[in-house]
Amino acid sequence: MVEVRRREKESSSALARRFSKKVQLSGVLLVARGQRSASRPKSRAQKKREALHRIEKRKVFERMRKLGKKAE
């Protein structure tokens, strides 16, 4: 939790600016945004499909690189 106390002769806008900076630096907003949209875990079949897709893309890339059509 972020706590900011008002300094002597500090304007309200300066206090708000200092508070918002502390909130950003603390990482509270990142945690809140992450919890806002929870995602379901990927199924075993979906993980396998994605892995096969990555492998296939890597093969195509290597083939193109060997042919000299892609820069390393």
PDB file of N, CA and C in Angstrom:
ATOM      1  N   MET A   1       0.845  -1.169   0.000  1.00  0.00           N
ATOM      2  CA  MET A   1       0.000   0.000   0.000  1.00  0.00           C
ATOM      3  C   MET A   1       0.894   1.237   0.000  1.00  0.00           C
ATOM      4  N   VAL A   2       0.509   2.221  -0.773  1.00  0.00           N
ATOM      5  CA  VAL A   2       1.299   3.434  -0.909  1.00  0.00           C
ATOM      6  C   VAL A   2       0.711   4.515  -0.009  1.00  0.00           C
ATOM      7  N   GLU A   3       1.586   5.158   0.746  1.00  0.00           N
ATOM      8  CA  GLU A   3       1.134   6.226   1.635  1.00  0.00           C
ATOM      9  C   GLU A   3       2.013   7.447   1.411  1.00  0.00           C
ATOM     10  N   VAL A   4       1.371   8.602   1.237  1.00  0.00           N
ATOM     11  CA  VAL A   4       2.091   9.857   1.033  1.00  0.00           C
ATOM     12  C   VAL A   4       1.510  10.886   1.985  1.00  0.00           C
ATOM     13  N   ARG A   5       2.374  11.525   2.741  1.00  0.00           N
ATOM     14  CA  ARG A   5       1.916  12.566   3.659  1.00  0.00           C
ATOM     15  C   ARG A   5       2.230  13.929   3.066  1.00  0.00           C
ATOM     16  N   ARG A   6       1.338  14.842   3.320  1.00  0.00           N
ATOM     17  CA  ARG A   6       1.500  16.189   2.771  1.00  0.00           C
ATOM     18  C   ARG A   6       2.633  16.912   3.491  1.00  0.00           C
ATOM     19  N   ARG A   7       3.530  17.481   2.700  1.00  0.00           N
ATOM     20  CA  ARG A   7       4.642  18.248   3.261  1.00  0.00           C
ATOM     21  C   ARG A   7       4.174  19.663   3.580  1.00  0.00           C
ATOM     22  N   GLU A   8       4.989  20.334   4.339  1.00  0.00           N
ATOM     23  CA  GLU A   8       4.654  21.697   4.714  1.00  0.00           C
ATOM     24  C   GLU A   8       4.701  22.586   3.466  1.00  0.00           C
ATOM     25  N   LYS A   9       3.678  23.386   3.271  1.00  0.00           N
ATOM     26  CA  LYS A   9       3.551  24.326   2.142  1.00  0.00           C
ATOM     27  C   LYS A   9       3.577  23.612   0.777  1.00  0.00           C
ATOM     28  N   GLU A  10       3.054  22.395   0.728  1.00  0.00           N
ATOM     29  CA  GLU A  10       2.992  21.662  -0.537  1.00  0.00           C
ATOM     30  C   GLU A  10       1.593  21.802  -1.129  1.00  0.00           C
ATOM     31  N   SER A  11       1.530  22.127  -2.407  1.00  0.00           N
ATOM     32  CA  SER A  11       0.226  22.289  -3.048  1.00  0.00           C
ATOM     33  C   SER A  11      -0.416  20.920  -3.269  1.00  0.00           C
ATOM     34  N   SER A  12      -1.718  20.940  -3.472  1.00  0.00           N
ATOM     35  CA  SER A  12      -2.439  19.679  -3.658  1.00  0.00           C
ATOM     36  C   SER A  12      -2.051  19.014  -4.977  1.00  0.00           C
ATOM     37  N   SER A  13      -1.741  19.812  -5.997  1.00  0.00           N
ATOM     38  CA  SER A  13      -1.335  19.223  -7.277  1.00  0.00           C
ATOM     39  C   SER A  13       0.035  18.552  -7.155  1.00  0.00           C
ATOM     40  N   ALA A  14       0.944  19.142  -6.383  1.00  0.00           N
ATOM     41  CA  ALA A  14       2.255  18.532  -6.173  1.00  0.00           C
ATOM     42  C   ALA A  14       2.104  17.237  -5.377  1.00  0.00           C
ATOM     43  N   LEU A  15       1.209  17.234  -4.412  1.00  0.00           N
ATOM     44  CA  LEU A  15       0.956  16.029  -3.618  1.00  0.00           C
ATOM     45  C   LEU A  15       0.391  14.916  -4.503  1.00  0.00           C
ATOM     46  N   ALA A  16      -0.559  15.271  -5.371  1.00  0.00           N
ATOM     47  CA  ALA A  16      -1.156  14.280  -6.272  1.00  0.00           C
ATOM     48  C   ALA A  16      -0.113  13.739  -7.241  1.00  0.00           C
ATOM     49  N   ARG A  17       0.747  14.604  -7.730  1.00  0.00           N
ATOM     50  CA  ARG A  17       1.799  14.183  -8.656  1.00  0.00           C
ATOM     51  C   ARG A  17       2.778  13.225  -7.958  1.00  0.00           C
ATOM     52  N   ARG A  18       3.157  13.545  -6.731  1.00  0.00           N
ATOM     53  CA  ARG A  18       4.068  12.714  -5.972  1.00  0.00           C
ATOM     54  C   ARG A  18       3.432  11.356  -5.659  1.00  0.00           C
ATOM     55  N   PHE A  19       2.134  11.376  -5.333  1.00  0.00           N
ATOM     56  CA  PHE A  19       1.411  10.132  -5.050  1.00  0.00           C
ATOM     57  C   PHE A  19       1.348   9.241  -6.295  1.00  0.00           C
ATOM     58  N   SER A  20       1.002   9.818  -7.429  1.00  0.00           N
ATOM     59  CA  SER A  20       0.877   9.017  -8.645  1.00  0.00           C
ATOM     60  C   SER A  20       2.225   8.427  -9.051  1.00  0.00           C
ATOM     61  N   LYS A  21       3.300   9.172  -8.826  1.00  0.00           N
ATOM     62  CA  LYS A  21       4.624   8.656  -9.145  1.00  0.00           C
ATOM     63  C   LYS A  21       4.977   7.471  -8.239  1.00  0.00           C
ATOM     64  N   LYS A  22       4.642   7.579  -6.950  1.00  0.00           N
ATOM     65  CA  LYS A  22       4.917   6.480  -6.018  1.00  0.00           C
ATOM     66  C   LYS A  22       4.109   5.238  -6.392  1.00  0.00           C
ATOM     67  N   VAL A  23       2.860   5.436  -6.806  1.00  0.00           N
ATOM     68  CA  VAL A  23       2.006   4.310  -7.198  1.00  0.00           C
ATOM     69  C   VAL A  23       2.615   3.610  -8.411  1.00  0.00           C
ATOM     70  N   GLN A  24       3.079   4.379  -9.390  1.00  0.00           N
ATOM     71  CA  GLN A  24       3.679   3.780 -10.584  1.00  0.00           C
ATOM     72  C   GLN A  24       4.948   3.018 -10.244  1.00  0.00           C
ATOM     73  N   LEU A  25       5.784   3.584  -9.396  1.00  0.00           N
ATOM     74  CA  LEU A  25       7.041   2.941  -9.042  1.00  0.00           C
ATOM     75  C   LEU A  25       6.834   1.703  -8.169  1.00  0.00           C
ATOM     76  N   SER A  26       5.758   1.656  -7.418  1.00  0.00           N
ATOM     77  CA  SER A  26       5.524   0.522  -6.520  1.00  0.00           C
ATOM     78  C   SER A  26       5.059  -0.726  -7.270  1.00  0.00           C
ATOM     79  N   GLY A  27       4.473  -0.572  -8.463  1.00  0.00           N
ATOM     80  CA  GLY A  27       4.002  -1.717  -9.236  1.00  0.00           C
ATOM     81  C   GLY A  27       2.587  -2.132  -8.899  1.00  0.00           C
ATOM     82  N   VAL A  28       1.884  -1.344  -8.116  1.00  0.00           N
ATOM     83  CA  VAL A  28       0.507  -1.680  -7.726  1.00  0.00           C
ATOM     84  C   VAL A  28      -0.402  -1.733  -8.950  1.00  0.00           C
ATOM     85  N   LEU A  29      -0.201  -0.793  -9.879  1.00  0.00           N
ATOM     86  CA  LEU A  29      -1.048  -0.763 -11.072  1.00  0.00           C
ATOM     87  C   LEU A  29      -0.842  -2.002 -11.937  1.00  0.00           C
ATOM     88  N   LEU A  30       0.387  -2.467 -12.054  1.00  0.00           N
ATOM     89  CA  LEU A  30       0.647  -3.661 -12.853  1.00  0.00           C
ATOM     90  C   LEU A  30      -0.077  -4.875 -12.285  1.00  0.00           C
ATOM     91  N   VAL A  31      -0.048  -5.007 -10.983  1.00  0.00           N
ATOM     92  CA  VAL A  31      -0.732  -6.130 -10.331  1.00  0.00           C
ATOM     93  C   VAL A  31      -2.237  -6.026 -10.551  1.00  0.00           C
ATOM     94  N   ALA A  32      -2.786  -4.831 -10.392  1.00  0.00           N
ATOM     95  CA  ALA A  32      -4.234  -4.642 -10.551  1.00  0.00           C
ATOM     96  C   ALA A  32      -4.663  -4.924 -11.983  1.00  0.00           C
ATOM     97  N   ARG A  33      -3.886  -4.471 -12.950  1.00  0.00           N
ATOM     98  CA  ARG A  33      -4.236  -4.720 -14.350  1.00  0.00           C
ATOM     99  C   ARG A  33      -4.128  -6.201 -14.684  1.00  0.00           C
ATOM    100  N   GLY A  34      -3.165  -6.867 -14.104  1.00  0.00           N
ATOM    101  CA  GLY A  34      -3.012  -8.299 -14.350  1.00  0.00           C
ATOM    102  C   GLY A  34      -4.150  -9.101 -13.780  1.00  0.00           C
ATOM    103  N   GLN A  35      -4.682  -8.682 -12.640  1.00  0.00           N
ATOM    104  CA  GLN A  35      -5.778  -9.407 -12.001  1.00  0.00           C
ATOM    105  C   GLN A  35      -7.125  -9.095 -12.643  1.00  0.00           C
ATOM    106  N   ARG A  36      -7.191  -8.012 -13.398  1.00  0.00           N
ATOM    107  CA  ARG A  36      -8.461  -7.615 -13.990  1.00  0.00           C
ATOM    108  C   ARG A  36      -8.951  -8.640 -15.009  1.00  0.00           C
ATOM    109  N   SER A  37      -8.043  -9.167 -15.805  1.00  0.00           N
ATOM    110  CA  SER A  37      -8.461 -10.127 -16.825  1.00  0.00           C
ATOM    111  C   SER A  37      -7.691 -11.424 -16.641  1.00  0.00           C
ATOM    112  N   ALA A  38      -8.294 -12.350 -15.951  1.00  0.00           N
ATOM    113  CA  ALA A  38      -7.665 -13.644 -15.727  1.00  0.00           C
ATOM    114  C   ALA A  38      -7.873 -14.508 -16.962  1.00  0.00           C
ATOM    115  N   SER A  39      -6.850 -15.217 -17.368  1.00  0.00           N
ATOM    116  CA  SER A  39      -6.979 -16.061 -18.545  1.00  0.00           C
ATOM    117  C   SER A  39      -6.984 -17.533 -18.122  1.00  0.00           C
ATOM    118  N   ARG A  40      -7.659 -18.327 -18.904  1.00  0.00           N
ATOM    119  CA  ARG A  40      -7.747 -19.744 -18.615  1.00  0.00           C
ATOM    120  C   ARG A  40      -6.448 -20.420 -19.022  1.00  0.00           C
ATOM    121  N   PRO A  41      -6.054 -21.468 -18.327  1.00  0.00           N
ATOM    122  CA  PRO A  41      -4.830 -22.190 -18.713  1.00  0.00           C
ATOM    123  C   PRO A  41      -5.038 -22.886 -20.056  1.00  0.00           C
ATOM    124  N   LYS A  42      -3.964 -22.979 -20.835  1.00  0.00           N
ATOM    125  CA  LYS A  42      -4.061 -23.604 -22.151  1.00  0.00           C
ATOM    126  C   LYS A  42      -4.196 -25.115 -22.008  1.00  0.00           C
ATOM    127  N   SER A  43      -4.994 -25.676 -22.894  1.00  0.00           N
ATOM    128  CA  SER A  43      -5.185 -27.127 -22.863  1.00  0.00           C
ATOM    129  C   SER A  43      -3.942 -27.814 -23.424  1.00  0.00           C
ATOM    130  N   ARG A  44      -3.830 -29.082 -23.144  1.00  0.00           N
ATOM    131  CA  ARG A  44      -2.678 -29.855 -23.594  1.00  0.00           C
ATOM    132  C   ARG A  44      -2.598 -29.880 -25.118  1.00  0.00           C
ATOM    133  N   ALA A  45      -3.754 -30.016 -25.771  1.00  0.00           N
ATOM    134  CA  ALA A  45      -3.790 -30.064 -27.235  1.00  0.00           C
ATOM    135  C   ALA A  45      -3.367 -28.721 -27.831  1.00  0.00           C
ATOM    136  N   GLN A  46      -3.798 -27.641 -27.216  1.00  0.00           N
ATOM    137  CA  GLN A  46      -3.444 -26.320 -27.726  1.00  0.00           C
ATOM    138  C   GLN A  46      -1.940 -26.063 -27.580  1.00  0.00           C
ATOM    139  N   LYS A  47      -1.357 -26.492 -26.462  1.00  0.00           N
ATOM    140  CA  LYS A  47       0.086 -26.348 -26.266  1.00  0.00           C
ATOM    141  C   LYS A  47       0.846 -27.124 -27.340  1.00  0.00           C
ATOM    142  N   LYS A  48       0.357 -28.323 -27.631  1.00  0.00           N
ATOM    143  CA  LYS A  48       1.009 -29.162 -28.627  1.00  0.00           C
ATOM    144  C   LYS A  48       0.915 -28.539 -30.015  1.00  0.00           C
ATOM    145  N   ARG A  49      -0.276 -28.004 -30.367  1.00  0.00           N
ATOM    146  CA  ARG A  49      -0.446 -27.352 -31.661  1.00  0.00           C
ATOM    147  C   ARG A  49       0.504 -26.176 -31.811  1.00  0.00           C
ATOM    148  N   GLU A  50       0.613 -25.359 -30.750  1.00  0.00           N
ATOM    149  CA  GLU A  50       1.493 -24.197 -30.801  1.00  0.00           C
ATOM    150  C   GLU A  50       2.953 -24.614 -30.923  1.00  0.00           C
ATOM    151  N   ALA A  51       3.347 -25.669 -30.228  1.00  0.00           N
ATOM    152  CA  ALA A  51       4.724 -26.156 -30.312  1.00  0.00           C
ATOM    153  C   ALA A  51       5.030 -26.652 -31.720  1.00  0.00           C
ATOM    154  N   LEU A  52       4.101 -27.403 -32.315  1.00  0.00           N
ATOM    155  CA  LEU A  52       4.295 -27.897 -33.678  1.00  0.00           C
ATOM    156  C   LEU A  52       4.378 -26.742 -34.670  1.00  0.00           C
ATOM    157  N   HIS A  53       3.578 -25.726 -34.454  1.00  0.00           N
ATOM    158  CA  HIS A  53       3.601 -24.541 -35.324  1.00  0.00           C
ATOM    159  C   HIS A  53       4.959 -23.843 -35.238  1.00  0.00           C
ATOM    160  N   ARG A  54       5.497 -23.702 -34.019  1.00  0.00           N
ATOM    161  CA  ARG A  54       6.813 -23.079 -33.840  1.00  0.00           C
ATOM    162  C   ARG A  54       7.899 -23.884 -34.537  1.00  0.00           C
ATOM    163  N   ILE A  55       7.828 -25.205 -34.402  1.00  0.00           N
ATOM    164  CA  ILE A  55       8.822 -26.074 -35.029  1.00  0.00           C
ATOM    165  C   ILE A  55       8.772 -25.931 -36.546  1.00  0.00           C
ATOM    166  N   GLU A  56       7.569 -25.907 -37.100  1.00  0.00           N
ATOM    167  CA  GLU A  56       7.400 -25.772 -38.545  1.00  0.00           C
ATOM    168  C   GLU A  56       7.925 -24.433 -39.035  1.00  0.00           C
ATOM    169  N   LYS A  57       7.621 -23.355 -38.306  1.00  0.00           N
ATOM    170  CA  LYS A  57       8.123 -22.032 -38.689  1.00  0.00           C
ATOM    171  C   LYS A  57       9.643 -21.996 -38.653  1.00  0.00           C
ATOM    172  N   ARG A  58      10.232 -22.648 -37.653  1.00  0.00           N
ATOM    173  CA  ARG A  58      11.691 -22.678 -37.537  1.00  0.00           C
ATOM    174  C   ARG A  58      12.313 -23.425 -38.726  1.00  0.00           C
ATOM    175  N   LYS A  59      11.678 -24.534 -39.143  1.00  0.00           N
ATOM    176  CA  LYS A  59      12.170 -25.295 -40.286  1.00  0.00           C
ATOM    177  C   LYS A  59      12.136 -24.454 -41.560  1.00  0.00           C
ATOM    178  N   VAL A  60      11.031 -23.752 -41.767  1.00  0.00           N
ATOM    179  CA  VAL A  60      10.899 -22.901 -42.953  1.00  0.00           C
ATOM    180  C   VAL A  60      11.954 -21.802 -42.922  1.00  0.00           C
ATOM    181  N   PHE A  61      12.157 -21.196 -41.779  1.00  0.00           N
ATOM    182  CA  PHE A  61      13.139 -20.125 -41.650  1.00  0.00           C
ATOM    183  C   PHE A  61      14.546 -20.645 -41.963  1.00  0.00           C
ATOM    184  N   GLU A  62      14.895 -21.811 -41.407  1.00  0.00           N
ATOM    185  CA  GLU A  62      16.220 -22.387 -41.655  1.00  0.00           C
ATOM    186  C   GLU A  62      16.405 -22.716 -43.132  1.00  0.00           C
ATOM    187  N   ARG A  63      15.359 -23.248 -43.763  1.00  0.00           N
ATOM    188  CA  ARG A  63      15.437 -23.579 -45.182  1.00  0.00           C
ATOM    189  C   ARG A  63      15.686 -22.322 -46.008  1.00  0.00           C
ATOM    190  N   MET A  64      14.968 -21.239 -45.684  1.00  0.00           N
ATOM    191  CA  MET A  64      15.129 -19.977 -46.411  1.00  0.00           C
ATOM    192  C   MET A  64      16.522 -19.387 -46.165  1.00  0.00           C
ATOM    193  N   ARG A  65      17.008 -19.529 -44.930  1.00  0.00           N
ATOM    194  CA  ARG A  65      18.334 -19.004 -44.605  1.00  0.00           C
ATOM    195  C   ARG A  65      19.417 -19.749 -45.370  1.00  0.00           C
ATOM    196  N   LYS A  66      19.265 -21.071 -45.492  1.00  0.00           N
ATOM    197  CA  LYS A  66      20.253 -21.860 -46.224  1.00  0.00           C
ATOM    198  C   LYS A  66      20.232 -21.526 -47.714  1.00  0.00           C
ATOM    199  N   LEU A  67      19.071 -21.157 -48.222  1.00  0.00           N
ATOM    200  CA  LEU A  67      18.963 -20.780 -49.622  1.00  0.00           C
ATOM    201  C   LEU A  67      19.447 -19.338 -49.859  1.00  0.00           C
ATOM    202  N   GLY A  68      19.690 -18.619 -48.790  1.00  0.00           N
ATOM    203  CA  GLY A  68      20.193 -17.254 -48.913  1.00  0.00           C
ATOM    204  C   GLY A  68      19.089 -16.221 -49.084  1.00  0.00           C
ATOM    205  N   LYS A  69      17.869 -16.581 -48.796  1.00  0.00           N
ATOM    206  CA  LYS A  69      16.754 -15.653 -48.963  1.00  0.00           C
ATOM    207  C   LYS A  69      16.424 -14.887 -47.698  1.00  0.00           C
ATOM    208  N   LYS A  70      17.000 -15.300 -46.568  1.00  0.00           N
ATOM    209  CA  LYS A  70      16.819 -14.595 -45.303  1.00  0.00           C
ATOM    210  C   LYS A  70      18.185 -14.252 -44.745  1.00  0.00           C
ATOM    211  N   ALA A  71      18.310 -13.061 -44.217  1.00  0.00           N
ATOM    212  CA  ALA A  71      19.569 -12.659 -43.583  1.00  0.00           C
ATOM    213  C   ALA A  71      19.649 -13.293 -42.208  1.00  0.00           C
ATOM    214  N   GLU A  72      20.845 -13.578 -41.757  1.00  0.00           N
ATOM    215  CA  GLU A  72      21.017 -14.206 -40.440  1.00  0.00           C
ATOM    216  C   GLU A  72      20.837 -13.240 -39.328  1.00  0.00           C
TER     217      GLU A  72
END
